[in-house]
Amino acid sequence: MALHKCPKCELNYIRDGEDFCEVCKREMKRAQAHIRRAAEEVEDDEVILCSECGELPVVRGGELCLACLKEKKRQVELENASAVPTDEEFDDEELLEDDEDLDDDEE
């Protein structure tokens, strides 16, 4: 049973039949675990492009990018604003007729 130096660190001694010392084995195991975690993070951070413009990444948990979300919100607000009748859409004659009906009821 002869001892010889670890081929990786050349500091520690190992027995015949062993590839590396215990210190180097732990270090290599930690490095492999770190590489696996980094690969998993890259897979989790996969970039999904906006379904509307196809250029920018989507916001987390959505299908649209921030710019498209703002534009969609603006469009909805414009549609809601156009649904409210303006003063010009009211018929002044109808208002006058309503006032006359009120006056007739009072008499």
N, C-alpha and C. Protein backbone atom coordinates (compact mmCIF):
# COMPACT_ATOMS: atom_id res chain seq x y z
N MET A 1 0.82 -1.16 0.00
CA MET A 1 0.00 0.00 0.00
C MET A 1 0.87 1.23 0.00
N ALA A 2 1.10 1.73 -1.17
CA ALA A 2 1.95 2.91 -1.31
C ALA A 2 1.09 4.16 -1.42
N LEU A 3 1.61 5.24 -0.94
CA LEU A 3 0.95 6.54 -1.05
C LEU A 3 1.63 7.35 -2.15
N HIS A 4 0.82 8.12 -2.85
CA HIS A 4 1.39 9.06 -3.82
C HIS A 4 0.53 10.32 -3.81
N LYS A 5 1.06 11.40 -4.38
CA LYS A 5 0.38 12.69 -4.34
C LYS A 5 -0.83 12.70 -5.28
N CYS A 6 -1.81 13.47 -4.88
CA CYS A 6 -3.03 13.66 -5.68
C CYS A 6 -2.65 14.34 -6.99
N PRO A 7 -3.10 13.83 -8.13
CA PRO A 7 -2.72 14.44 -9.41
C PRO A 7 -3.35 15.81 -9.63
N LYS A 8 -4.40 16.14 -8.91
CA LYS A 8 -5.07 17.42 -9.12
C LYS A 8 -4.39 18.53 -8.32
N CYS A 9 -4.28 18.35 -7.02
CA CYS A 9 -3.72 19.42 -6.18
C CYS A 9 -2.23 19.25 -5.91
N GLU A 10 -1.74 18.05 -6.01
CA GLU A 10 -0.35 17.72 -5.74
C GLU A 10 0.10 18.16 -4.34
N LEU A 11 -0.86 18.17 -3.41
CA LEU A 11 -0.56 18.50 -2.02
C LEU A 11 -0.82 17.31 -1.10
N ASN A 12 -1.98 16.71 -1.27
CA ASN A 12 -2.41 15.62 -0.40
C ASN A 12 -1.98 14.28 -0.99
N TYR A 13 -1.83 13.32 -0.11
CA TYR A 13 -1.46 11.96 -0.53
C TYR A 13 -2.71 11.08 -0.62
N ILE A 14 -2.70 10.20 -1.59
CA ILE A 14 -3.79 9.25 -1.75
C ILE A 14 -3.22 7.84 -1.84
N ARG A 15 -4.06 6.85 -1.60
CA ARG A 15 -3.63 5.45 -1.68
C ARG A 15 -3.72 4.96 -3.12
N ASP A 16 -3.11 3.89 -3.40
CA ASP A 16 -3.20 3.27 -4.72
C ASP A 16 -4.66 2.90 -4.99
N GLY A 17 -5.10 3.14 -6.19
CA GLY A 17 -6.48 2.81 -6.57
C GLY A 17 -7.43 3.97 -6.43
N GLU A 18 -7.04 5.03 -5.76
CA GLU A 18 -7.89 6.22 -5.66
C GLU A 18 -7.47 7.20 -6.73
N ASP A 19 -8.43 7.92 -7.26
CA ASP A 19 -8.13 8.88 -8.32
C ASP A 19 -7.69 10.23 -7.77
N PHE A 20 -8.42 10.73 -6.75
CA PHE A 20 -8.14 12.05 -6.19
C PHE A 20 -8.27 12.00 -4.68
N CYS A 21 -7.71 13.00 -4.02
CA CYS A 21 -7.82 13.08 -2.56
C CYS A 21 -9.24 13.53 -2.19
N GLU A 22 -9.58 13.38 -0.90
CA GLU A 22 -10.93 13.73 -0.43
C GLU A 22 -11.23 15.22 -0.63
N VAL A 23 -10.25 16.07 -0.45
CA VAL A 23 -10.45 17.51 -0.61
C VAL A 23 -10.81 17.82 -2.06
N CYS A 24 -10.08 17.26 -3.00
CA CYS A 24 -10.35 17.52 -4.42
C CYS A 24 -11.69 16.92 -4.85
N LYS A 25 -12.06 15.76 -4.30
CA LYS A 25 -13.34 15.14 -4.62
C LYS A 25 -14.50 16.05 -4.19
N ARG A 26 -14.40 16.61 -2.97
CA ARG A 26 -15.46 17.52 -2.49
C ARG A 26 -15.54 18.77 -3.37
N GLU A 27 -14.37 19.29 -3.73
CA GLU A 27 -14.33 20.49 -4.57
C GLU A 27 -14.96 20.22 -5.94
N MET A 28 -14.66 19.09 -6.53
CA MET A 28 -15.23 18.75 -7.84
C MET A 28 -16.74 18.51 -7.74
N LYS A 29 -17.18 17.91 -6.63
CA LYS A 29 -18.60 17.66 -6.43
C LYS A 29 -19.35 19.00 -6.31
N ARG A 30 -18.80 19.96 -5.56
CA ARG A 30 -19.41 21.28 -5.43
C ARG A 30 -19.47 22.00 -6.77
N ALA A 31 -18.41 21.88 -7.56
CA ALA A 31 -18.38 22.52 -8.87
C ALA A 31 -19.46 21.94 -9.79
N GLN A 32 -19.62 20.61 -9.77
CA GLN A 32 -20.66 19.98 -10.59
C GLN A 32 -22.05 20.44 -10.16
N ALA A 33 -22.28 20.54 -8.85
CA ALA A 33 -23.58 20.99 -8.35
C ALA A 33 -23.84 22.42 -8.77
N HIS A 34 -22.81 23.25 -8.74
CA HIS A 34 -22.94 24.65 -9.15
C HIS A 34 -23.29 24.74 -10.64
N ILE A 35 -22.65 23.93 -11.45
CA ILE A 35 -22.92 23.92 -12.89
C ILE A 35 -24.36 23.49 -13.15
N ARG A 36 -24.85 22.48 -12.43
CA ARG A 36 -26.23 22.01 -12.60
C ARG A 36 -27.22 23.10 -12.22
N ARG A 37 -26.97 23.79 -11.09
CA ARG A 37 -27.87 24.86 -10.66
C ARG A 37 -27.89 25.99 -11.68
N ALA A 38 -26.74 26.34 -12.22
CA ALA A 38 -26.67 27.40 -13.22
C ALA A 38 -27.44 27.02 -14.48
N ALA A 39 -27.33 25.76 -14.88
CA ALA A 39 -28.06 25.30 -16.07
C ALA A 39 -29.56 25.33 -15.83
N GLU A 40 -30.01 24.97 -14.63
CA GLU A 40 -31.44 25.01 -14.31
C GLU A 40 -31.96 26.43 -14.30
N GLU A 41 -31.17 27.38 -13.78
CA GLU A 41 -31.57 28.78 -13.76
C GLU A 41 -31.72 29.33 -15.17
N VAL A 42 -30.84 28.93 -16.06
CA VAL A 42 -30.93 29.39 -17.45
C VAL A 42 -32.21 28.87 -18.07
N GLU A 43 -32.56 27.62 -17.80
CA GLU A 43 -33.80 27.06 -18.34
C GLU A 43 -35.01 27.78 -17.77
N ASP A 44 -34.98 28.14 -16.49
CA ASP A 44 -36.09 28.84 -15.86
C ASP A 44 -36.24 30.25 -16.40
N ASP A 45 -35.15 30.88 -16.78
CA ASP A 45 -35.17 32.26 -17.25
C ASP A 45 -35.33 32.35 -18.76
N GLU A 46 -35.95 31.35 -19.37
CA GLU A 46 -36.15 31.36 -20.81
C GLU A 46 -37.00 32.57 -21.19
N VAL A 47 -36.57 33.32 -22.16
CA VAL A 47 -37.25 34.54 -22.57
C VAL A 47 -38.39 34.20 -23.52
N ILE A 48 -39.58 34.68 -23.18
CA ILE A 48 -40.75 34.50 -24.02
C ILE A 48 -41.09 35.86 -24.61
N LEU A 49 -41.24 35.90 -25.93
CA LEU A 49 -41.52 37.16 -26.60
C LEU A 49 -43.01 37.46 -26.60
N CYS A 50 -43.32 38.73 -26.69
CA CYS A 50 -44.69 39.23 -26.69
C CYS A 50 -45.48 38.63 -27.84
N SER A 51 -46.71 38.21 -27.57
CA SER A 51 -47.54 37.63 -28.62
C SER A 51 -48.09 38.68 -29.56
N GLU A 52 -48.10 39.94 -29.13
CA GLU A 52 -48.63 41.02 -29.97
C GLU A 52 -47.57 41.57 -30.92
N CYS A 53 -46.45 42.04 -30.38
CA CYS A 53 -45.42 42.65 -31.24
C CYS A 53 -44.33 41.66 -31.63
N GLY A 54 -44.08 40.65 -30.81
CA GLY A 54 -43.08 39.64 -31.10
C GLY A 54 -41.65 40.13 -30.99
N GLU A 55 -41.45 41.28 -30.36
CA GLU A 55 -40.11 41.86 -30.26
C GLU A 55 -39.58 41.92 -28.84
N LEU A 56 -40.43 42.27 -27.88
CA LEU A 56 -39.99 42.48 -26.50
C LEU A 56 -40.40 41.30 -25.62
N PRO A 57 -39.68 41.07 -24.52
CA PRO A 57 -40.05 39.97 -23.62
C PRO A 57 -41.34 40.31 -22.86
N VAL A 58 -42.11 39.28 -22.56
CA VAL A 58 -43.37 39.48 -21.85
C VAL A 58 -43.11 39.81 -20.39
N VAL A 59 -44.10 40.43 -19.75
CA VAL A 59 -44.01 40.67 -18.32
C VAL A 59 -44.28 39.35 -17.62
N ARG A 60 -43.78 39.20 -16.44
CA ARG A 60 -43.90 37.93 -15.72
C ARG A 60 -45.37 37.58 -15.52
N GLY A 61 -45.73 36.38 -15.93
CA GLY A 61 -47.10 35.89 -15.76
C GLY A 61 -48.08 36.40 -16.81
N GLY A 62 -47.58 37.02 -17.86
CA GLY A 62 -48.47 37.54 -18.89
C GLY A 62 -48.11 37.06 -20.28
N GLU A 63 -48.84 37.57 -21.26
CA GLU A 63 -48.57 37.21 -22.64
C GLU A 63 -48.07 38.40 -23.45
N LEU A 64 -48.18 39.61 -22.87
CA LEU A 64 -47.80 40.82 -23.59
C LEU A 64 -46.63 41.52 -22.90
N CYS A 65 -45.89 42.30 -23.69
CA CYS A 65 -44.79 43.11 -23.13
C CYS A 65 -45.40 44.35 -22.48
N LEU A 66 -44.59 45.10 -21.79
CA LEU A 66 -45.06 46.28 -21.07
C LEU A 66 -45.63 47.32 -22.03
N ALA A 67 -44.96 47.53 -23.16
CA ALA A 67 -45.43 48.52 -24.13
C ALA A 67 -46.79 48.15 -24.69
N CYS A 68 -46.98 46.88 -25.03
CA CYS A 68 -48.27 46.43 -25.57
C CYS A 68 -49.36 46.47 -24.51
N LEU A 69 -49.01 46.19 -23.26
CA LEU A 69 -50.00 46.29 -22.19
C LEU A 69 -50.48 47.73 -22.03
N LYS A 70 -49.54 48.68 -22.08
CA LYS A 70 -49.91 50.09 -21.97
C LYS A 70 -50.79 50.52 -23.13
N GLU A 71 -50.45 50.08 -24.34
CA GLU A 71 -51.24 50.41 -25.51
C GLU A 71 -52.64 49.81 -25.43
N LYS A 72 -52.73 48.58 -24.96
CA LYS A 72 -54.03 47.93 -24.82
C LYS A 72 -54.89 48.67 -23.80
N LYS A 73 -54.27 49.08 -22.69
CA LYS A 73 -54.99 49.83 -21.67
C LYS A 73 -55.47 51.16 -22.23
N ARG A 74 -54.63 51.82 -23.02
CA ARG A 74 -55.01 53.10 -23.62
C ARG A 74 -56.18 52.91 -24.57
N GLN A 75 -56.17 51.83 -25.36
CA GLN A 75 -57.25 51.55 -26.29
C GLN A 75 -58.57 51.30 -25.55
N VAL A 76 -58.50 50.56 -24.45
CA VAL A 76 -59.71 50.30 -23.66
C VAL A 76 -60.26 51.60 -23.09
N GLU A 77 -59.37 52.46 -22.60
CA GLU A 77 -59.81 53.74 -22.05
C GLU A 77 -60.45 54.60 -23.13
N LEU A 78 -59.89 54.59 -24.34
CA LEU A 78 -60.47 55.35 -25.44
C LEU A 78 -61.85 54.80 -25.82
N GLU A 79 -61.98 53.48 -25.85
CA GLU A 79 -63.28 52.88 -26.16
C GLU A 79 -64.31 53.22 -25.09
N ASN A 80 -63.89 53.21 -23.84
CA ASN A 80 -64.81 53.57 -22.75
C ASN A 80 -65.19 55.04 -22.82
N ALA A 81 -64.25 55.87 -23.18
CA ALA A 81 -64.52 57.30 -23.29
C ALA A 81 -65.47 57.58 -24.45
N SER A 82 -65.36 56.84 -25.54
CA SER A 82 -66.24 57.07 -26.69
C SER A 82 -67.64 56.53 -26.42
N ALA A 83 -67.80 55.64 -25.46
CA ALA A 83 -69.12 55.10 -25.13
C ALA A 83 -69.95 56.10 -24.34
N VAL A 84 -69.31 57.04 -23.65
CA VAL A 84 -70.02 58.05 -22.88
C VAL A 84 -70.48 59.13 -23.85
N PRO A 85 -71.77 59.47 -23.88
CA PRO A 85 -72.25 60.49 -24.82
C PRO A 85 -71.72 61.87 -24.45
N THR A 86 -71.37 62.63 -25.44
CA THR A 86 -70.89 64.00 -25.23
C THR A 86 -72.08 64.94 -25.22
N ASP A 87 -71.85 66.18 -24.90
CA ASP A 87 -72.92 67.19 -24.87
C ASP A 87 -73.56 67.35 -26.24
N GLU A 88 -72.79 67.21 -27.29
CA GLU A 88 -73.30 67.38 -28.64
C GLU A 88 -74.29 66.29 -29.02
N GLU A 89 -74.17 65.12 -28.41
CA GLU A 89 -75.04 64.01 -28.75
C GLU A 89 -76.41 64.13 -28.09
N PHE A 90 -76.55 64.97 -27.09
CA PHE A 90 -77.85 65.18 -26.47
C PHE A 90 -78.69 66.06 -27.38
N ASP A 91 -79.95 65.76 -27.45
CA ASP A 91 -80.86 66.56 -28.26
C ASP A 91 -81.50 67.61 -27.36
N ASP A 92 -81.22 68.86 -27.65
CA ASP A 92 -81.74 69.95 -26.83
C ASP A 92 -83.26 69.98 -26.84
N GLU A 93 -83.87 69.60 -27.97
CA GLU A 93 -85.32 69.62 -28.05
C GLU A 93 -85.95 68.62 -27.09
N GLU A 94 -85.30 67.47 -26.92
CA GLU A 94 -85.81 66.49 -25.97
C GLU A 94 -85.78 67.05 -24.56
N LEU A 95 -84.74 67.78 -24.24
CA LEU A 95 -84.65 68.38 -22.92
C LEU A 95 -85.75 69.42 -22.72
N LEU A 96 -86.01 70.21 -23.76
CA LEU A 96 -87.07 71.22 -23.66
C LEU A 96 -88.43 70.56 -23.51
N GLU A 97 -88.66 69.47 -24.24
CA GLU A 97 -89.93 68.76 -24.14
C GLU A 97 -90.11 68.19 -22.74
N ASP A 98 -89.04 67.69 -22.16
CA ASP A 98 -89.12 67.17 -20.80
C ASP A 98 -89.48 68.28 -19.83
N ASP A 99 -88.92 69.47 -20.03
CA ASP A 99 -89.24 70.61 -19.15
C ASP A 99 -90.69 71.01 -19.31
N GLU A 100 -91.22 70.97 -20.55
CA GLU A 100 -92.62 71.33 -20.78
C GLU A 100 -93.54 70.33 -20.11
N ASP A 101 -93.16 69.03 -20.15
CA ASP A 101 -93.98 68.02 -19.50
C ASP A 101 -94.03 68.25 -17.99
N LEU A 102 -92.93 68.67 -17.42
CA LEU A 102 -92.89 68.97 -15.99
C LEU A 102 -93.77 70.15 -15.68
N ASP A 103 -93.70 71.17 -16.53
CA ASP A 103 -94.54 72.37 -16.31
C ASP A 103 -96.01 72.01 -16.40
N ASP A 104 -96.40 71.15 -17.34
CA ASP A 104 -97.79 70.75 -17.51
C ASP A 104 -98.28 69.97 -16.29
N ASP A 105 -97.43 69.17 -15.72
CA ASP A 105 -97.81 68.39 -14.55
C ASP A 105 -98.03 69.28 -13.35
N GLU A 106 -97.31 70.36 -13.26
CA GLU A 106 -97.44 71.26 -12.12
C GLU A 106 -98.77 72.01 -12.18
N GLU A 107 -99.31 72.26 -13.34
CA GLU A 107 -100.55 73.04 -13.46
C GLU A 107 -101.70 72.25 -13.07
